[in-house]
Amino acid sequence: MRELLRDLPNLYPHGDKWLDRTFGEIPQGKARLTVVELGTDIVAVSIEKPKDHGRMKLSTLYVRSDVRNMRVGTSFFRWLDARWRSENRKEVYMTVASEGAYELERLVKVFGFTCVAVQEDRYGLGRDEVVFSNASGS
């Protein structure tokens, strides 16, 4: 799992510490980890964090580069979206470093997500954060 998410600290300051803390929150129900396996290989990962008032934050969505553009991400996101619907989530939102925003937007707009904010310099000078939400509910 850590090998798959090894680039996280490069994208997000202190990403390694956040990941350690988040893995510790899973047994307490403060975070949820979902993996997609092809054979015995983990090819995609999501980390979600439940929030107040029926909201969910998708903190991490990662699809291994060698299986991108093969519908793995779309199938995975469709499955996540169905789970959020079954849980009656009022809103699901996610943040992404601006350099990954276009690729993520291509995936999530099909599921009713839109860009709702851009926080400039969130991860350092010139390193913005983009927020996507399905504010009308998933």
C-alpha atoms as a PDB file:
ATOM      1  CA  MET A   1       0.000   0.000   0.000  1.00  0.00           C
ATOM      2  CA  ARG A   2       2.739   2.441   0.944  1.00  0.00           C
ATOM      3  CA  GLU A   3       4.592   1.688  -2.270  1.00  0.00           C
ATOM      4  CA  LEU A   4       1.485   2.516  -4.272  1.00  0.00           C
ATOM      5  CA  LEU A   5       1.065   5.846  -2.447  1.00  0.00           C
ATOM      6  CA  ARG A   6       4.782   6.721  -2.375  1.00  0.00           C
ATOM      7  CA  ASP A   7       4.246   9.969  -4.345  1.00  0.00           C
ATOM      8  CA  LEU A   8       1.814  11.371  -1.790  1.00  0.00           C
ATOM      9  CA  PRO A   9       4.498  13.282   0.170  1.00  0.00           C
ATOM     10  CA  ASN A  10       5.696  14.897  -3.084  1.00  0.00           C
ATOM     11  CA  LEU A  11       2.230  16.198  -3.846  1.00  0.00           C
ATOM     12  CA  TYR A  12       1.194  17.248  -0.362  1.00  0.00           C
ATOM     13  CA  PRO A  13       3.429  18.710   2.350  1.00  0.00           C
ATOM     14  CA  HIS A  14       3.704  16.245   5.250  1.00  0.00           C
ATOM     15  CA  GLY A  15       1.742  13.673   3.225  1.00  0.00           C
ATOM     16  CA  ASP A  16       3.703  10.849   4.828  1.00  0.00           C
ATOM     17  CA  LYS A  17       2.692  11.962   8.337  1.00  0.00           C
ATOM     18  CA  TRP A  18      -0.912  12.406   7.226  1.00  0.00           C
ATOM     19  CA  LEU A  19      -0.917   8.886   5.794  1.00  0.00           C
ATOM     20  CA  ASP A  20       0.476   7.385   9.008  1.00  0.00           C
ATOM     21  CA  ARG A  21      -2.123   9.228  11.077  1.00  0.00           C
ATOM     22  CA  THR A  22      -4.933   8.246   8.707  1.00  0.00           C
ATOM     23  CA  PHE A  23      -3.996   4.557   8.732  1.00  0.00           C
ATOM     24  CA  GLY A  24      -4.224   4.775  12.535  1.00  0.00           C
ATOM     25  CA  GLU A  25      -7.747   6.210  12.250  1.00  0.00           C
ATOM     26  CA  ILE A  26      -9.119   3.290  10.216  1.00  0.00           C
ATOM     27  CA  PRO A  27      -9.750   0.927  13.181  1.00  0.00           C
ATOM     28  CA  GLN A  28     -11.588   3.761  14.973  1.00  0.00           C
ATOM     29  CA  GLY A  29     -13.927   4.350  12.029  1.00  0.00           C
ATOM     30  CA  LYS A  30     -12.540   7.848  11.421  1.00  0.00           C
ATOM     31  CA  ALA A  31     -11.222   6.798   8.007  1.00  0.00           C
ATOM     32  CA  ARG A  32     -12.074   4.108   5.488  1.00  0.00           C
ATOM     33  CA  LEU A  33      -9.622   2.451   3.115  1.00  0.00           C
ATOM     34  CA  THR A  34     -10.835   0.671  -0.011  1.00  0.00           C
ATOM     35  CA  VAL A  35      -8.587  -1.127  -2.477  1.00  0.00           C
ATOM     36  CA  VAL A  36      -9.066  -2.555  -5.952  1.00  0.00           C
ATOM     37  CA  GLU A  37      -7.136  -5.678  -6.782  1.00  0.00           C
ATOM     38  CA  LEU A  38      -6.458  -7.240 -10.160  1.00  0.00           C
ATOM     39  CA  GLY A  39      -5.249 -10.714  -9.411  1.00  0.00           C
ATOM     40  CA  THR A  40      -2.957 -10.242  -6.440  1.00  0.00           C
ATOM     41  CA  ASP A  41      -1.950  -6.662  -7.334  1.00  0.00           C
ATOM     42  CA  ILE A  42      -3.466  -3.591  -5.698  1.00  0.00           C
ATOM     43  CA  VAL A  43      -4.171  -1.197  -8.572  1.00  0.00           C
ATOM     44  CA  ALA A  44      -6.348   1.469  -6.965  1.00  0.00           C
ATOM     45  CA  VAL A  45      -6.937   2.926  -3.509  1.00  0.00           C
ATOM     46  CA  SER A  46      -9.395   5.300  -1.907  1.00  0.00           C
ATOM     47  CA  ILE A  47      -9.272   6.850   1.541  1.00  0.00           C
ATOM     48  CA  GLU A  48     -12.476   8.422   2.813  1.00  0.00           C
ATOM     49  CA  LYS A  49     -13.163  10.362   5.980  1.00  0.00           C
ATOM     50  CA  PRO A  50     -16.726  10.699   7.288  1.00  0.00           C
ATOM     51  CA  LYS A  51     -17.648  14.255   8.272  1.00  0.00           C
ATOM     52  CA  ASP A  52     -20.519  15.798  10.217  1.00  0.00           C
ATOM     53  CA  HIS A  53     -24.036  16.181   8.823  1.00  0.00           C
ATOM     54  CA  GLY A  54     -23.921  13.213   6.437  1.00  0.00           C
ATOM     55  CA  ARG A  55     -20.922  14.446   4.480  1.00  0.00           C
ATOM     56  CA  MET A  56     -17.931  12.432   3.289  1.00  0.00           C
ATOM     57  CA  LYS A  57     -14.502  13.617   2.208  1.00  0.00           C
ATOM     58  CA  LEU A  58     -12.737  11.538  -0.385  1.00  0.00           C
ATOM     59  CA  SER A  59      -9.215  12.248   0.806  1.00  0.00           C
ATOM     60  CA  THR A  60      -7.356  10.007  -1.610  1.00  0.00           C
ATOM     61  CA  LEU A  61      -8.237   8.434  -4.914  1.00  0.00           C
ATOM     62  CA  TYR A  62      -5.320   6.795  -6.638  1.00  0.00           C
ATOM     63  CA  VAL A  63      -5.227   4.554  -9.685  1.00  0.00           C
ATOM     64  CA  ARG A  64      -1.902   3.000 -10.595  1.00  0.00           C
ATOM     65  CA  SER A  65      -0.502   4.641 -13.723  1.00  0.00           C
ATOM     66  CA  ASP A  66      -0.222   1.428 -15.759  1.00  0.00           C
ATOM     67  CA  VAL A  67      -3.979   0.766 -15.509  1.00  0.00           C
ATOM     68  CA  ARG A  68      -5.186   4.299 -16.153  1.00  0.00           C
ATOM     69  CA  ASN A  69      -7.348   4.827 -19.233  1.00  0.00           C
ATOM     70  CA  MET A  70      -8.530   1.230 -18.912  1.00  0.00           C
ATOM     71  CA  ARG A  71     -11.775   2.163 -17.077  1.00  0.00           C
ATOM     72  CA  VAL A  72     -10.430   0.997 -13.699  1.00  0.00           C
ATOM     73  CA  GLY A  73     -10.876   4.471 -12.185  1.00  0.00           C
ATOM     74  CA  THR A  74     -14.351   4.861 -13.662  1.00  0.00           C
ATOM     75  CA  SER A  75     -15.485   1.470 -12.404  1.00  0.00           C
ATOM     76  CA  PHE A  76     -13.985   2.139  -8.983  1.00  0.00           C
ATOM     77  CA  PHE A  77     -15.582   5.570  -8.730  1.00  0.00           C
ATOM     78  CA  ARG A  78     -18.944   4.163  -9.858  1.00  0.00           C
ATOM     79  CA  TRP A  79     -18.707   1.623  -7.043  1.00  0.00           C
ATOM     80  CA  LEU A  80     -17.777   4.335  -4.502  1.00  0.00           C
ATOM     81  CA  ASP A  81     -20.634   6.528  -5.724  1.00  0.00           C
ATOM     82  CA  ALA A  82     -23.110   3.654  -5.286  1.00  0.00           C
ATOM     83  CA  ARG A  83     -21.857   3.128  -1.738  1.00  0.00           C
ATOM     84  CA  TRP A  84     -22.250   6.843  -0.915  1.00  0.00           C
ATOM     85  CA  ARG A  85     -25.785   6.727  -2.298  1.00  0.00           C
ATOM     86  CA  SER A  86     -26.636   3.649  -0.217  1.00  0.00           C
ATOM     87  CA  GLU A  87     -25.312   5.490   2.850  1.00  0.00           C
ATOM     88  CA  ASN A  88     -27.479   8.532   1.982  1.00  0.00           C
ATOM     89  CA  ARG A  89     -24.524  10.924   1.923  1.00  0.00           C
ATOM     90  CA  LYS A  90     -25.739  14.497   1.581  1.00  0.00           C
ATOM     91  CA  GLU A  91     -22.445  15.615   0.075  1.00  0.00           C
ATOM     92  CA  VAL A  92     -19.186  14.064  -0.993  1.00  0.00           C
ATOM     93  CA  TYR A  93     -16.266  16.375  -1.622  1.00  0.00           C
ATOM     94  CA  MET A  94     -12.623  15.994  -2.477  1.00  0.00           C
ATOM     95  CA  THR A  95      -9.567  18.164  -2.778  1.00  0.00           C
ATOM     96  CA  VAL A  96      -6.714  17.742  -5.209  1.00  0.00           C
ATOM     97  CA  ALA A  97      -3.470  19.509  -5.987  1.00  0.00           C
ATOM     98  CA  SER A  98      -4.071  21.663  -9.058  1.00  0.00           C
ATOM     99  CA  GLU A  99      -1.702  19.618 -11.222  1.00  0.00           C
ATOM    100  CA  GLY A 100      -4.054  16.620 -10.915  1.00  0.00           C
ATOM    101  CA  ALA A 101      -7.323  18.554 -11.131  1.00  0.00           C
ATOM    102  CA  TYR A 102      -7.965  18.187 -14.858  1.00  0.00           C
ATOM    103  CA  GLU A 103      -7.568  14.413 -14.804  1.00  0.00           C
ATOM    104  CA  LEU A 104      -9.791  14.084 -11.728  1.00  0.00           C
ATOM    105  CA  GLU A 105     -12.432  16.415 -13.143  1.00  0.00           C
ATOM    106  CA  ARG A 106     -12.705  14.258 -16.280  1.00  0.00           C
ATOM    107  CA  LEU A 107     -13.569  11.320 -14.041  1.00  0.00           C
ATOM    108  CA  VAL A 108     -15.869  12.892 -11.452  1.00  0.00           C
ATOM    109  CA  LYS A 109     -17.980  15.277 -13.540  1.00  0.00           C
ATOM    110  CA  VAL A 110     -19.858  12.267 -14.937  1.00  0.00           C
ATOM    111  CA  PHE A 111     -21.023  11.605 -11.364  1.00  0.00           C
ATOM    112  CA  GLY A 112     -22.295  15.145 -10.766  1.00  0.00           C
ATOM    113  CA  PHE A 113     -19.191  16.655  -9.184  1.00  0.00           C
ATOM    114  CA  THR A 114     -18.166  20.188 -10.023  1.00  0.00           C
ATOM    115  CA  CYS A 115     -15.282  22.426  -9.090  1.00  0.00           C
ATOM    116  CA  VAL A 116     -16.525  24.599  -6.246  1.00  0.00           C
ATOM    117  CA  ALA A 117     -13.335  26.324  -5.096  1.00  0.00           C
ATOM    118  CA  VAL A 118      -9.644  26.864  -5.687  1.00  0.00           C
ATOM    119  CA  GLN A 119      -7.472  27.643  -2.713  1.00  0.00           C
ATOM    120  CA  GLU A 120      -4.378  29.411  -3.975  1.00  0.00           C
ATOM    121  CA  ASP A 121      -0.964  28.477  -2.590  1.00  0.00           C
ATOM    122  CA  ARG A 122      -2.488  25.833  -0.286  1.00  0.00           C
ATOM    123  CA  TYR A 123       0.533  23.538  -0.690  1.00  0.00           C
ATOM    124  CA  GLY A 124       3.136  26.281  -1.128  1.00  0.00           C
ATOM    125  CA  LEU A 125       3.730  29.156  -3.507  1.00  0.00           C
ATOM    126  CA  GLY A 126       2.040  28.420  -6.810  1.00  0.00           C
ATOM    127  CA  ARG A 127       0.735  25.059  -5.581  1.00  0.00           C
ATOM    128  CA  ASP A 128      -3.034  25.416  -5.475  1.00  0.00           C
ATOM    129  CA  GLU A 129      -5.739  23.088  -4.188  1.00  0.00           C
ATOM    130  CA  VAL A 130      -8.948  22.462  -6.146  1.00  0.00           C
ATOM    131  CA  VAL A 131     -12.167  21.381  -4.402  1.00  0.00           C
ATOM    132  CA  PHE A 132     -14.796  19.236  -6.129  1.00  0.00           C
ATOM    133  CA  SER A 133     -18.224  18.557  -4.656  1.00  0.00           C
ATOM    134  CA  ASN A 134     -21.499  16.907  -5.534  1.00  0.00           C
ATOM    135  CA  ALA A 135     -23.249  19.376  -3.214  1.00  0.00           C
ATOM    136  CA  SER A 136     -26.688  18.264  -4.339  1.00  0.00           C
ATOM    137  CA  GLY A 137     -25.889  14.815  -2.907  1.00  0.00           C
ATOM    138  CA  SER A 138     -24.345  11.746  -4.488  1.00  0.00           C
END
